[in-house]
Amino acid sequence: GLMSTLPTFGPDSTNGFDFIDMGANADNKPEHIVTYAVLGT
């Protein structure tokens, strides 16, 4: 997956958040998105 860190502006805004997948795959199966959760973690 294509992943980038985006800013946050809430009370816990210092770290931002990692956003995946941003467009590497037009179609995904459930197992792909579960894998993204592991990658992002």
Full PDB file with SEQRES, HELIX, SHEET, SSBOND, CRYST1, ORIGX, SCALE, CONECT and MASTER records, all heavy atoms in Angstrom:
SEQRES   1 A   41  GLY LEU MET SER THR LEU PRO THR PHE GLY PRO ASP SER          
SEQRES   2 A   41  THR ASN GLY PHE ASP PHE ILE ASP MET GLY ALA ASN ALA          
SEQRES   3 A   41  ASP ASN LYS PRO GLU HIS ILE VAL THR TYR ALA VAL LEU          
SEQRES   4 A   41  GLY THR                                                      
HELIX    1 AA1 PRO A   30  GLY A   40  1                                  11    
SHEET    1 AA1 2 MET A   3  LEU A   6  0                                        
SHEET    2 AA1 2 PHE A  17  ILE A  20 -1                                        
CRYST1    1.000    1.000    1.000  90.00  90.00  90.00 P 1           1          
ORIGX1      1.000000  0.000000  0.000000        0.00000                         
ORIGX2      0.000000  1.000000  0.000000        0.00000                         
ORIGX3      0.000000  0.000000  1.000000        0.00000                         
SCALE1      1.000000  0.000000  0.000000        0.00000                         
SCALE2      0.000000  1.000000  0.000000        0.00000                         
SCALE3      0.000000  0.000000  1.000000        0.00000                         
ATOM      1  N   GLY A   1       0.817  -1.211   0.000  1.00  0.00           N  
ATOM      2  CA  GLY A   1       0.000   0.000   0.000  1.00  0.00           C  
ATOM      3  C   GLY A   1       0.847   1.256   0.000  1.00  0.00           C  
ATOM      4  O   GLY A   1       1.991   1.260   0.472  1.00  0.00           O  
ATOM      5  N   LEU A   2       0.279   2.323  -0.532  1.00  0.00           N  
ATOM      6  CA  LEU A   2       0.953   3.621  -0.531  1.00  0.00           C  
ATOM      7  C   LEU A   2       0.519   4.368   0.728  1.00  0.00           C  
ATOM      8  O   LEU A   2      -0.676   4.567   0.961  1.00  0.00           O  
ATOM      9  CB  LEU A   2       0.584   4.410  -1.788  1.00  0.00           C  
ATOM     10  CG  LEU A   2       1.418   5.645  -2.115  1.00  0.00           C  
ATOM     11  CD1 LEU A   2       2.879   5.258  -2.364  1.00  0.00           C  
ATOM     12  CD2 LEU A   2       0.854   6.358  -3.334  1.00  0.00           C  
ATOM     13  N   MET A   3       1.480   4.767   1.531  1.00  0.00           N  
ATOM     14  CA  MET A   3       1.184   5.348   2.838  1.00  0.00           C  
ATOM     15  C   MET A   3       1.917   6.658   3.040  1.00  0.00           C  
ATOM     16  O   MET A   3       3.082   6.794   2.682  1.00  0.00           O  
ATOM     17  CB  MET A   3       1.596   4.363   3.940  1.00  0.00           C  
ATOM     18  CG  MET A   3       1.277   4.833   5.344  1.00  0.00           C  
ATOM     19  SD  MET A   3       1.998   3.730   6.577  1.00  0.00           S  
ATOM     20  CE  MET A   3       3.720   4.178   6.403  1.00  0.00           C  
ATOM     21  N   SER A   4       1.211   7.618   3.636  1.00  0.00           N  
ATOM     22  CA  SER A   4       1.837   8.893   3.986  1.00  0.00           C  
ATOM     23  C   SER A   4       1.356   9.303   5.370  1.00  0.00           C  
ATOM     24  O   SER A   4       0.295   8.882   5.825  1.00  0.00           O  
ATOM     25  CB  SER A   4       1.473   9.967   2.960  1.00  0.00           C  
ATOM     26  OG  SER A   4       2.234  11.145   3.172  1.00  0.00           O  
ATOM     27  N   THR A   5       2.146  10.121   6.051  1.00  0.00           N  
ATOM     28  CA  THR A   5       1.754  10.652   7.355  1.00  0.00           C  
ATOM     29  C   THR A   5       1.141  12.032   7.155  1.00  0.00           C  
ATOM     30  O   THR A   5       1.765  12.919   6.583  1.00  0.00           O  
ATOM     31  CB  THR A   5       2.967  10.746   8.300  1.00  0.00           C  
ATOM     32  OG1 THR A   5       3.559   9.448   8.431  1.00  0.00           O  
ATOM     33  CG2 THR A   5       2.539  11.245   9.669  1.00  0.00           C  
ATOM     34  N   LEU A   6      -0.095  12.201   7.621  1.00  0.00           N  
ATOM     35  CA  LEU A   6      -0.824  13.462   7.485  1.00  0.00           C  
ATOM     36  C   LEU A   6      -0.938  14.130   8.852  1.00  0.00           C  
ATOM     37  O   LEU A   6      -0.913  13.459   9.890  1.00  0.00           O  
ATOM     38  CB  LEU A   6      -2.214  13.212   6.903  1.00  0.00           C  
ATOM     39  CG  LEU A   6      -2.270  12.475   5.558  1.00  0.00           C  
ATOM     40  CD1 LEU A   6      -3.717  12.384   5.077  1.00  0.00           C  
ATOM     41  CD2 LEU A   6      -1.424  13.169   4.503  1.00  0.00           C  
ATOM     42  N   PRO A   7      -1.080  15.450   8.879  1.00  0.00           N  
ATOM     43  CA  PRO A   7      -1.123  16.170  10.163  1.00  0.00           C  
ATOM     44  C   PRO A   7      -2.462  15.994  10.874  1.00  0.00           C  
ATOM     45  O   PRO A   7      -3.483  15.691  10.252  1.00  0.00           O  
ATOM     46  CB  PRO A   7      -0.916  17.628   9.745  1.00  0.00           C  
ATOM     47  CG  PRO A   7      -1.477  17.692   8.357  1.00  0.00           C  
ATOM     48  CD  PRO A   7      -1.138  16.370   7.725  1.00  0.00           C  
ATOM     49  N   THR A   8      -2.455  16.180  12.189  1.00  0.00           N  
ATOM     50  CA  THR A   8      -3.684  16.234  12.970  1.00  0.00           C  
ATOM     51  C   THR A   8      -3.730  17.542  13.743  1.00  0.00           C  
ATOM     52  O   THR A   8      -2.700  18.169  13.980  1.00  0.00           O  
ATOM     53  CB  THR A   8      -3.781  15.046  13.946  1.00  0.00           C  
ATOM     54  OG1 THR A   8      -2.562  14.955  14.699  1.00  0.00           O  
ATOM     55  CG2 THR A   8      -4.012  13.751  13.204  1.00  0.00           C  
ATOM     56  N   PHE A   9      -4.955  17.931  14.155  1.00  0.00           N  
ATOM     57  CA  PHE A   9      -5.138  19.240  14.789  1.00  0.00           C  
ATOM     58  C   PHE A   9      -5.937  19.164  16.082  1.00  0.00           C  
ATOM     59  O   PHE A   9      -6.357  20.174  16.614  1.00  0.00           O  
ATOM     60  CB  PHE A   9      -5.841  20.197  13.812  1.00  0.00           C  
ATOM     61  CG  PHE A   9      -5.067  20.411  12.544  1.00  0.00           C  
ATOM     62  CD1 PHE A   9      -5.257  19.578  11.445  1.00  0.00           C  
ATOM     63  CD2 PHE A   9      -4.133  21.428  12.448  1.00  0.00           C  
ATOM     64  CE1 PHE A   9      -4.536  19.764  10.274  1.00  0.00           C  
ATOM     65  CE2 PHE A   9      -3.405  21.617  11.269  1.00  0.00           C  
ATOM     66  CZ  PHE A   9      -3.609  20.789  10.185  1.00  0.00           C  
ATOM     67  N   GLY A  10      -6.148  17.949  16.582  1.00  0.00           N  
ATOM     68  CA  GLY A  10      -6.888  17.782  17.827  1.00  0.00           C  
ATOM     69  C   GLY A  10      -5.973  17.879  19.035  1.00  0.00           C  
ATOM     70  O   GLY A  10      -4.806  18.275  18.932  1.00  0.00           O  
ATOM     71  N   PRO A  11      -6.487  17.493  20.216  1.00  0.00           N  
ATOM     72  CA  PRO A  11      -5.680  17.551  21.451  1.00  0.00           C  
ATOM     73  C   PRO A  11      -4.406  16.715  21.367  1.00  0.00           C  
ATOM     74  O   PRO A  11      -3.407  17.056  21.993  1.00  0.00           O  
ATOM     75  CB  PRO A  11      -6.639  16.982  22.504  1.00  0.00           C  
ATOM     76  CG  PRO A  11      -7.996  17.187  21.947  1.00  0.00           C  
ATOM     77  CD  PRO A  11      -7.864  17.038  20.465  1.00  0.00           C  
ATOM     78  N   ASP A  12      -4.447  15.611  20.621  1.00  0.00           N  
ATOM     79  CA  ASP A  12      -3.273  14.746  20.468  1.00  0.00           C  
ATOM     80  C   ASP A  12      -2.669  14.918  19.083  1.00  0.00           C  
ATOM     81  O   ASP A  12      -2.419  13.966  18.365  1.00  0.00           O  
ATOM     82  CB  ASP A  12      -3.655  13.282  20.687  1.00  0.00           C  
ATOM     83  CG  ASP A  12      -4.303  13.055  22.035  1.00  0.00           C  
ATOM     84  OD1 ASP A  12      -3.801  13.618  23.018  1.00  0.00           O  
ATOM     85  OD2 ASP A  12      -5.310  12.340  22.098  1.00  0.00           O  
ATOM     86  N   SER A  13      -2.440  16.166  18.695  1.00  0.00           N  
ATOM     87  CA  SER A  13      -2.109  16.466  17.306  1.00  0.00           C  
ATOM     88  C   SER A  13      -0.626  16.436  16.976  1.00  0.00           C  
ATOM     89  O   SER A  13      -0.242  16.707  15.852  1.00  0.00           O  
ATOM     90  CB  SER A  13      -2.655  17.852  16.936  1.00  0.00           C  
ATOM     91  OG  SER A  13      -2.055  18.844  17.744  1.00  0.00           O  
ATOM     92  N   THR A  14       0.222  16.111  17.927  1.00  0.00           N  
ATOM     93  CA  THR A  14       1.655  16.217  17.670  1.00  0.00           C  
ATOM     94  C   THR A  14       2.169  15.151  16.714  1.00  0.00           C  
ATOM     95  O   THR A  14       3.145  15.366  16.012  1.00  0.00           O  
ATOM     96  CB  THR A  14       2.447  16.134  18.988  1.00  0.00           C  
ATOM     97  OG1 THR A  14       2.061  14.929  19.665  1.00  0.00           O  
ATOM     98  CG2 THR A  14       2.150  17.322  19.880  1.00  0.00           C  
ATOM     99  N   ASN A  15       1.529  13.993  16.667  1.00  0.00           N  
ATOM    100  CA  ASN A  15       2.076  12.877  15.909  1.00  0.00           C  
ATOM    101  C   ASN A  15       1.532  12.743  14.484  1.00  0.00           C  
ATOM    102  O   ASN A  15       2.159  12.126  13.649  1.00  0.00           O  
ATOM    103  CB  ASN A  15       1.821  11.560  16.656  1.00  0.00           C  
ATOM    104  CG  ASN A  15       2.756  11.397  17.844  1.00  0.00           C  
ATOM    105  OD1 ASN A  15       3.936  11.665  17.731  1.00  0.00           O  
ATOM    106  ND2 ASN A  15       2.215  11.000  18.976  1.00  0.00           N  
ATOM    107  N   GLY A  16       0.348  13.270  14.198  1.00  0.00           N  
ATOM    108  CA  GLY A  16      -0.270  13.043  12.895  1.00  0.00           C  
ATOM    109  C   GLY A  16      -0.822  11.627  12.819  1.00  0.00           C  
ATOM    110  O   GLY A  16      -0.922  10.918  13.821  1.00  0.00           O  
ATOM    111  N   PHE A  17      -1.188  11.204  11.609  1.00  0.00           N  
ATOM    112  CA  PHE A  17      -1.656   9.831  11.434  1.00  0.00           C  
ATOM    113  C   PHE A  17      -1.165   9.281  10.104  1.00  0.00           C  
ATOM    114  O   PHE A  17      -0.959  10.024   9.139  1.00  0.00           O  
ATOM    115  CB  PHE A  17      -3.194   9.740  11.509  1.00  0.00           C  
ATOM    116  CG  PHE A  17      -3.924  10.363  10.339  1.00  0.00           C  
ATOM    117  CD1 PHE A  17      -4.351   9.594   9.265  1.00  0.00           C  
ATOM    118  CD2 PHE A  17      -4.202  11.724  10.317  1.00  0.00           C  
ATOM    119  CE1 PHE A  17      -5.025  10.157   8.196  1.00  0.00           C  
ATOM    120  CE2 PHE A  17      -4.874  12.303   9.246  1.00  0.00           C  
ATOM    121  CZ  PHE A  17      -5.295  11.521   8.184  1.00  0.00           C  
ATOM    122  N   ASP A  18      -0.954   7.970  10.066  1.00  0.00           N  
ATOM    123  CA  ASP A  18      -0.505   7.291   8.856  1.00  0.00           C  
ATOM    124  C   ASP A  18      -1.725   6.817   8.079  1.00  0.00           C  
ATOM    125  O   ASP A  18      -2.585   6.128   8.635  1.00  0.00           O  
ATOM    126  CB  ASP A  18       0.388   6.102   9.215  1.00  0.00           C  
ATOM    127  CG  ASP A  18       1.635   6.539   9.957  1.00  0.00           C  
ATOM    128  OD1 ASP A  18       2.238   7.541   9.540  1.00  0.00           O  
ATOM    129  OD2 ASP A  18       1.991   5.901  10.967  1.00  0.00           O  
ATOM    130  N   PHE A  19      -1.776   7.171   6.803  1.00  0.00           N  
ATOM    131  CA  PHE A  19      -2.937   6.903   5.947  1.00  0.00           C  
ATOM    132  C   PHE A  19      -2.534   5.920   4.852  1.00  0.00           C  
ATOM    133  O   PHE A  19      -1.636   6.191   4.068  1.00  0.00           O  
ATOM    134  CB  PHE A  19      -3.404   8.225   5.338  1.00  0.00           C  
ATOM    135  CG  PHE A  19      -4.746   8.177   4.672  1.00  0.00           C  
ATOM    136  CD1 PHE A  19      -5.759   7.359   5.143  1.00  0.00           C  
ATOM    137  CD2 PHE A  19      -5.005   8.986   3.565  1.00  0.00           C  
ATOM    138  CE1 PHE A  19      -6.998   7.332   4.538  1.00  0.00           C  
ATOM    139  CE2 PHE A  19      -6.234   8.972   2.941  1.00  0.00           C  
ATOM    140  CZ  PHE A  19      -7.241   8.144   3.428  1.00  0.00           C  
ATOM    141  N   ILE A  20      -3.183   4.751   4.822  1.00  0.00           N  
ATOM    142  CA  ILE A  20      -2.836   3.698   3.873  1.00  0.00           C  
ATOM    143  C   ILE A  20      -4.106   2.935   3.496  1.00  0.00           C  
ATOM    144  O   ILE A  20      -4.893   2.614   4.371  1.00  0.00           O  
ATOM    145  CB  ILE A  20      -1.769   2.760   4.482  1.00  0.00           C  
ATOM    146  CG1 ILE A  20      -1.363   1.659   3.522  1.00  0.00           C  
ATOM    147  CG2 ILE A  20      -2.220   2.153   5.802  1.00  0.00           C  
ATOM    148  CD1 ILE A  20      -0.143   0.833   3.990  1.00  0.00           C  
ATOM    149  N   ASP A  21      -4.434   2.732   2.257  1.00  0.00           N  
ATOM    150  CA  ASP A  21      -3.726   2.906   1.014  1.00  0.00           C  
ATOM    151  C   ASP A  21      -4.205   4.189   0.348  1.00  0.00           C  
ATOM    152  O   ASP A  21      -5.400   4.431   0.274  1.00  0.00           O  
ATOM    153  CB  ASP A  21      -3.987   1.680   0.130  1.00  0.00           C  
ATOM    154  CG  ASP A  21      -3.371   1.741  -1.246  1.00  0.00           C  
ATOM    155  OD1 ASP A  21      -2.401   2.477  -1.442  1.00  0.00           O  
ATOM    156  OD2 ASP A  21      -3.866   1.047  -2.138  1.00  0.00           O  
ATOM    157  N   MET A  22      -3.277   4.975  -0.200  1.00  0.00           N  
ATOM    158  CA  MET A  22      -3.620   6.240  -0.824  1.00  0.00           C  
ATOM    159  C   MET A  22      -3.732   6.136  -2.349  1.00  0.00           C  
ATOM    160  O   MET A  22      -3.786   7.155  -3.021  1.00  0.00           O  
ATOM    161  CB  MET A  22      -2.575   7.295  -0.489  1.00  0.00           C  
ATOM    162  CG  MET A  22      -2.397   7.544   0.989  1.00  0.00           C  
ATOM    163  SD  MET A  22      -1.423   9.025   1.296  1.00  0.00           S  
ATOM    164  CE  MET A  22      -0.035   8.755   0.211  1.00  0.00           C  
ATOM    165  N   GLY A  23      -3.752   4.920  -2.872  1.00  0.00           N  
ATOM    166  CA  GLY A  23      -3.966   4.812  -4.307  1.00  0.00           C  
ATOM    167  C   GLY A  23      -3.087   3.840  -5.051  1.00  0.00           C  
ATOM    168  O   GLY A  23      -3.085   3.827  -6.284  1.00  0.00           O  
ATOM    169  N   ALA A  24      -2.342   3.011  -4.338  1.00  0.00           N  
ATOM    170  CA  ALA A  24      -1.521   2.017  -5.037  1.00  0.00           C  
ATOM    171  C   ALA A  24      -2.390   0.957  -5.703  1.00  0.00           C  
ATOM    172  O   ALA A  24      -1.996   0.367  -6.712  1.00  0.00           O  
ATOM    173  CB  ALA A  24      -0.552   1.352  -4.072  1.00  0.00           C  
ATOM    174  N   ASN A  25      -3.602   0.733  -5.162  1.00  0.00           N  
ATOM    175  CA  ASN A  25      -4.498  -0.313  -5.674  1.00  0.00           C  
ATOM    176  C   ASN A  25      -5.908   0.250  -5.819  1.00  0.00           C  
ATOM    177  O   ASN A  25      -6.466   0.779  -4.853  1.00  0.00           O  
ATOM    178  CB  ASN A  25      -4.531  -1.502  -4.706  1.00  0.00           C  
ATOM    179  CG  ASN A  25      -3.146  -1.997  -4.353  1.00  0.00           C  
ATOM    180  OD1 ASN A  25      -2.518  -2.714  -5.121  1.00  0.00           O  
ATOM    181  ND2 ASN A  25      -2.640  -1.600  -3.184  1.00  0.00           N  
ATOM    182  N   ALA A  26      -6.485   0.107  -6.995  1.00  0.00           N  
ATOM    183  CA  ALA A  26      -7.843   0.595  -7.211  1.00  0.00           C  
ATOM    184  C   ALA A  26      -8.873  -0.325  -6.573  1.00  0.00           C  
ATOM    185  O   ALA A  26      -9.951   0.117  -6.159  1.00  0.00           O  
ATOM    186  CB  ALA A  26      -8.124   0.737  -8.707  1.00  0.00           C  
ATOM    187  N   ASP A  27      -8.581  -1.607  -6.500  1.00  0.00           N  
ATOM    188  CA  ASP A  27      -9.491  -2.588  -5.911  1.00  0.00           C  
ATOM    189  C   ASP A  27      -8.759  -3.362  -4.830  1.00  0.00           C  
ATOM    190  O   ASP A  27      -7.634  -3.797  -5.029  1.00  0.00           O  
ATOM    191  CB  ASP A  27     -10.005  -3.566  -6.972  1.00  0.00           C  
ATOM    192  CG  ASP A  27     -10.820  -2.869  -8.053  1.00  0.00           C  
ATOM    193  OD1 ASP A  27     -11.889  -2.346  -7.719  1.00  0.00           O  
ATOM    194  OD2 ASP A  27     -10.367  -2.837  -9.211  1.00  0.00           O  
ATOM    195  N   ASN A  28      -9.435  -3.531  -3.703  1.00  0.00           N  
ATOM    196  CA  ASN A  28      -8.826  -4.275  -2.597  1.00  0.00           C  
ATOM    197  C   ASN A  28      -9.773  -5.330  -2.047  1.00  0.00           C  
ATOM    198  O   ASN A  28     -10.985  -5.138  -2.025  1.00  0.00           O  
ATOM    199  CB  ASN A  28      -8.439  -3.333  -1.451  1.00  0.00           C  
ATOM    200  CG  ASN A  28      -7.226  -2.497  -1.755  1.00  0.00           C  
ATOM    201  OD1 ASN A  28      -7.313  -1.294  -1.945  1.00  0.00           O  
ATOM    202  ND2 ASN A  28      -6.070  -3.133  -1.799  1.00  0.00           N  
ATOM    203  N   LYS A  29      -9.194  -6.429  -1.597  1.00  0.00           N  
ATOM    204  CA  LYS A  29      -9.938  -7.452  -0.873  1.00  0.00           C  
ATOM    205  C   LYS A  29      -9.794  -7.169   0.629  1.00  0.00           C  
ATOM    206  O   LYS A  29      -8.882  -6.442   1.047  1.00  0.00           O  
ATOM    207  CB  LYS A  29      -9.376  -8.835  -1.196  1.00  0.00           C  
ATOM    208  CG  LYS A  29      -9.505  -9.228  -2.664  1.00  0.00           C  
ATOM    209  CD  LYS A  29      -8.836 -10.582  -2.905  1.00  0.00           C  
ATOM    210  CE  LYS A  29      -8.917 -10.968  -4.378  1.00  0.00           C  
ATOM    211  NZ  LYS A  29      -8.223 -12.259  -4.651  1.00  0.00           N  
ATOM    212  N   PRO A  30     -10.665  -7.743   1.458  1.00  0.00           N  
ATOM    213  CA  PRO A  30     -10.568  -7.502   2.906  1.00  0.00           C  
ATOM    214  C   PRO A  30      -9.189  -7.813   3.472  1.00  0.00           C  
ATOM    215  O   PRO A  30      -8.672  -7.057   4.319  1.00  0.00           O  
ATOM    216  CB  PRO A  30     -11.632  -8.443   3.477  1.00  0.00           C  
ATOM    217  CG  PRO A  30     -12.641  -8.572   2.393  1.00  0.00           C  
ATOM    218  CD  PRO A  30     -11.855  -8.548   1.113  1.00  0.00           C  
ATOM    219  N   GLU A  31      -8.570  -8.913   3.008  1.00  0.00           N  
ATOM    220  CA  GLU A  31      -7.265  -9.285   3.564  1.00  0.00           C  
ATOM    221  C   GLU A  31      -6.182  -8.244   3.261  1.00  0.00           C  
ATOM    222  O   GLU A  31      -5.231  -8.098   4.030  1.00  0.00           O  
ATOM    223  CB  GLU A  31      -6.825 -10.655   3.053  1.00  0.00           C  
ATOM    224  CG  GLU A  31      -6.807 -10.815   1.549  1.00  0.00           C  
ATOM    225  CD  GLU A  31      -8.090 -11.414   0.996  1.00  0.00           C  
ATOM    226  OE1 GLU A  31      -9.154 -11.175   1.602  1.00  0.00           O  
ATOM    227  OE2 GLU A  31      -8.010 -12.112  -0.027  1.00  0.00           O  
ATOM    228  N   HIS A  32      -6.335  -7.520   2.146  1.00  0.00           N  
ATOM    229  CA  HIS A  32      -5.368  -6.470   1.831  1.00  0.00           C  
ATOM    230  C   HIS A  32      -5.426  -5.362   2.888  1.00  0.00           C  
ATOM    231  O   HIS A  32      -4.390  -4.870   3.352  1.00  0.00           O  
ATOM    232  CB  HIS A  32      -5.635  -5.862   0.458  1.00  0.00           C  
ATOM    233  CG  HIS A  32      -5.581  -6.845  -0.664  1.00  0.00           C  
ATOM    234  ND1 HIS A  32      -6.256  -6.651  -1.850  1.00  0.00           N  
ATOM    235  CD2 HIS A  32      -4.952  -8.036  -0.777  1.00  0.00           C  
ATOM    236  CE1 HIS A  32      -6.029  -7.684  -2.652  1.00  0.00           C  
ATOM    237  NE2 HIS A  32      -5.235  -8.532  -2.017  1.00  0.00           N  
ATOM    238  N   ILE A  33      -6.638  -4.960   3.252  1.00  0.00           N  
ATOM    239  CA  ILE A  33      -6.805  -3.850   4.194  1.00  0.00           C  
ATOM    240  C   ILE A  33      -6.373  -4.270   5.596  1.00  0.00           C  
ATOM    241  O   ILE A  33      -5.825  -3.458   6.355  1.00  0.00           O  
ATOM    242  CB  ILE A  33      -8.257  -3.334   4.162  1.00  0.00           C  
ATOM    243  CG1 ILE A  33      -8.619  -2.892   2.723  1.00  0.00           C  
ATOM    244  CG2 ILE A  33      -8.437  -2.160   5.123  1.00  0.00           C  
ATOM    245  CD1 ILE A  33     -10.045  -2.436   2.548  1.00  0.00           C  
ATOM    246  N   VAL A  34      -6.593  -5.524   5.947  1.00  0.00           N  
ATOM    247  CA  VAL A  34      -6.093  -6.028   7.225  1.00  0.00           C  
ATOM    248  C   VAL A  34      -4.561  -5.957   7.238  1.00  0.00           C  
ATOM    249  O   VAL A  34      -3.951  -5.575   8.242  1.00  0.00           O  
ATOM    250  CB  VAL A  34      -6.582  -7.470   7.485  1.00  0.00           C  
ATOM    251  CG1 VAL A  34      -5.920  -8.040   8.739  1.00  0.00           C  
ATOM    252  CG2 VAL A  34      -8.099  -7.497   7.633  1.00  0.00           C  
ATOM    253  N   THR A  35      -3.945  -6.320   6.114  1.00  0.00           N  
ATOM    254  CA  THR A  35      -2.490  -6.212   6.003  1.00  0.00           C  
ATOM    255  C   THR A  35      -2.035  -4.768   6.172  1.00  0.00           C  
ATOM    256  O   THR A  35      -1.013  -4.497   6.821  1.00  0.00           O  
ATOM    257  CB  THR A  35      -2.008  -6.752   4.640  1.00  0.00           C  
ATOM    258  OG1 THR A  35      -2.321  -8.145   4.542  1.00  0.00           O  
ATOM    259  CG2 THR A  35      -0.510  -6.564   4.458  1.00  0.00           C  
ATOM    260  N   TYR A  36      -2.782  -3.809   5.621  1.00  0.00           N  
ATOM    261  CA  TYR A  36      -2.428  -2.400   5.774  1.00  0.00           C  
ATOM    262  C   TYR A  36      -2.429  -1.992   7.250  1.00  0.00           C  
ATOM    263  O   TYR A  36      -1.603  -1.170   7.676  1.00  0.00           O  
ATOM    264  CB  TYR A  36      -3.394  -1.501   5.003  1.00  0.00           C  
ATOM    265  CG  TYR A  36      -3.401  -1.732   3.516  1.00  0.00           C  
ATOM    266  CD1 TYR A  36      -4.523  -1.426   2.744  1.00  0.00           C  
ATOM    267  CD2 TYR A  36      -2.286  -2.262   2.861  1.00  0.00           C  
ATOM    268  CE1 TYR A  36      -4.534  -1.637   1.378  1.00  0.00           C  
ATOM    269  CE2 TYR A  36      -2.297  -2.472   1.492  1.00  0.00           C  
ATOM    270  CZ  TYR A  36      -3.427  -2.161   0.753  1.00  0.00           C  
ATOM    271  OH  TYR A  36      -3.449  -2.372  -0.595  1.00  0.00           O  
ATOM    272  N   ALA A  37      -3.339  -2.559   8.022  1.00  0.00           N  
ATOM    273  CA  ALA A  37      -3.378  -2.253   9.449  1.00  0.00           C  
ATOM    274  C   ALA A  37      -2.102  -2.733  10.142  1.00  0.00           C  
ATOM    275  O   ALA A  37      -1.561  -2.043  11.015  1.00  0.00           O  
ATOM    276  CB  ALA A  37      -4.608  -2.901  10.088  1.00  0.00           C  
ATOM    277  N   VAL A  38      -1.626  -3.904   9.743  1.00  0.00           N  
ATOM    278  CA  VAL A  38      -0.373  -4.433  10.313  1.00  0.00           C  
ATOM    279  C   VAL A  38       0.802  -3.557   9.871  1.00  0.00           C  
ATOM    280  O   VAL A  38       1.665  -3.186  10.682  1.00  0.00           O  
ATOM    281  CB  VAL A  38      -0.148  -5.896   9.882  1.00  0.00           C  
ATOM    282  CG1 VAL A  38       1.200  -6.406  10.392  1.00  0.00           C  
ATOM    283  CG2 VAL A  38      -1.281  -6.788  10.391  1.00  0.00           C  
ATOM    284  N   LEU A  39       0.839  -3.208   8.581  1.00  0.00           N  
ATOM    285  CA  LEU A  39       1.919  -2.367   8.062  1.00  0.00           C  
ATOM    286  C   LEU A  39       1.948  -1.015   8.774  1.00  0.00           C  
ATOM    287  O   LEU A  39       3.003  -0.543   9.199  1.00  0.00           O  
ATOM    288  CB  LEU A  39       1.739  -2.158   6.554  1.00  0.00           C  
ATOM    289  CG  LEU A  39       1.885  -3.378   5.644  1.00  0.00           C  
ATOM    290  CD1 LEU A  39       1.528  -3.015   4.205  1.00  0.00           C  
ATOM    291  CD2 LEU A  39       3.293  -3.942   5.696  1.00  0.00           C  
ATOM    292  N   GLY A  40       0.778  -0.391   8.876  1.00  0.00           N  
ATOM    293  CA  GLY A  40       0.696   0.914   9.522  1.00  0.00           C  
ATOM    294  C   GLY A  40       1.098   0.864  10.979  1.00  0.00           C  
ATOM    295  O   GLY A  40       1.748   1.782  11.498  1.00  0.00           O  
ATOM    296  N   THR A  41       0.731  -0.220  11.667  1.00  0.00           N  
ATOM    297  CA  THR A  41       1.093  -0.385  13.072  1.00  0.00           C  
ATOM    298  C   THR A  41       2.599  -0.484  13.229  1.00  0.00           C  
ATOM    299  O   THR A  41       3.194   0.164  14.108  1.00  0.00           O  
ATOM    300  CB  THR A  41       0.413  -1.637  13.654  1.00  0.00           C  
ATOM    301  OG1 THR A  41      -1.011  -1.437  13.657  1.00  0.00           O  
ATOM    302  CG2 THR A  41       0.882  -1.915  15.070  1.00  0.00           C  
TER     303      THR A  41                                                      
MASTER        0    0    0    1    2    0    0    6  302    1    0    4          
END                                                                             
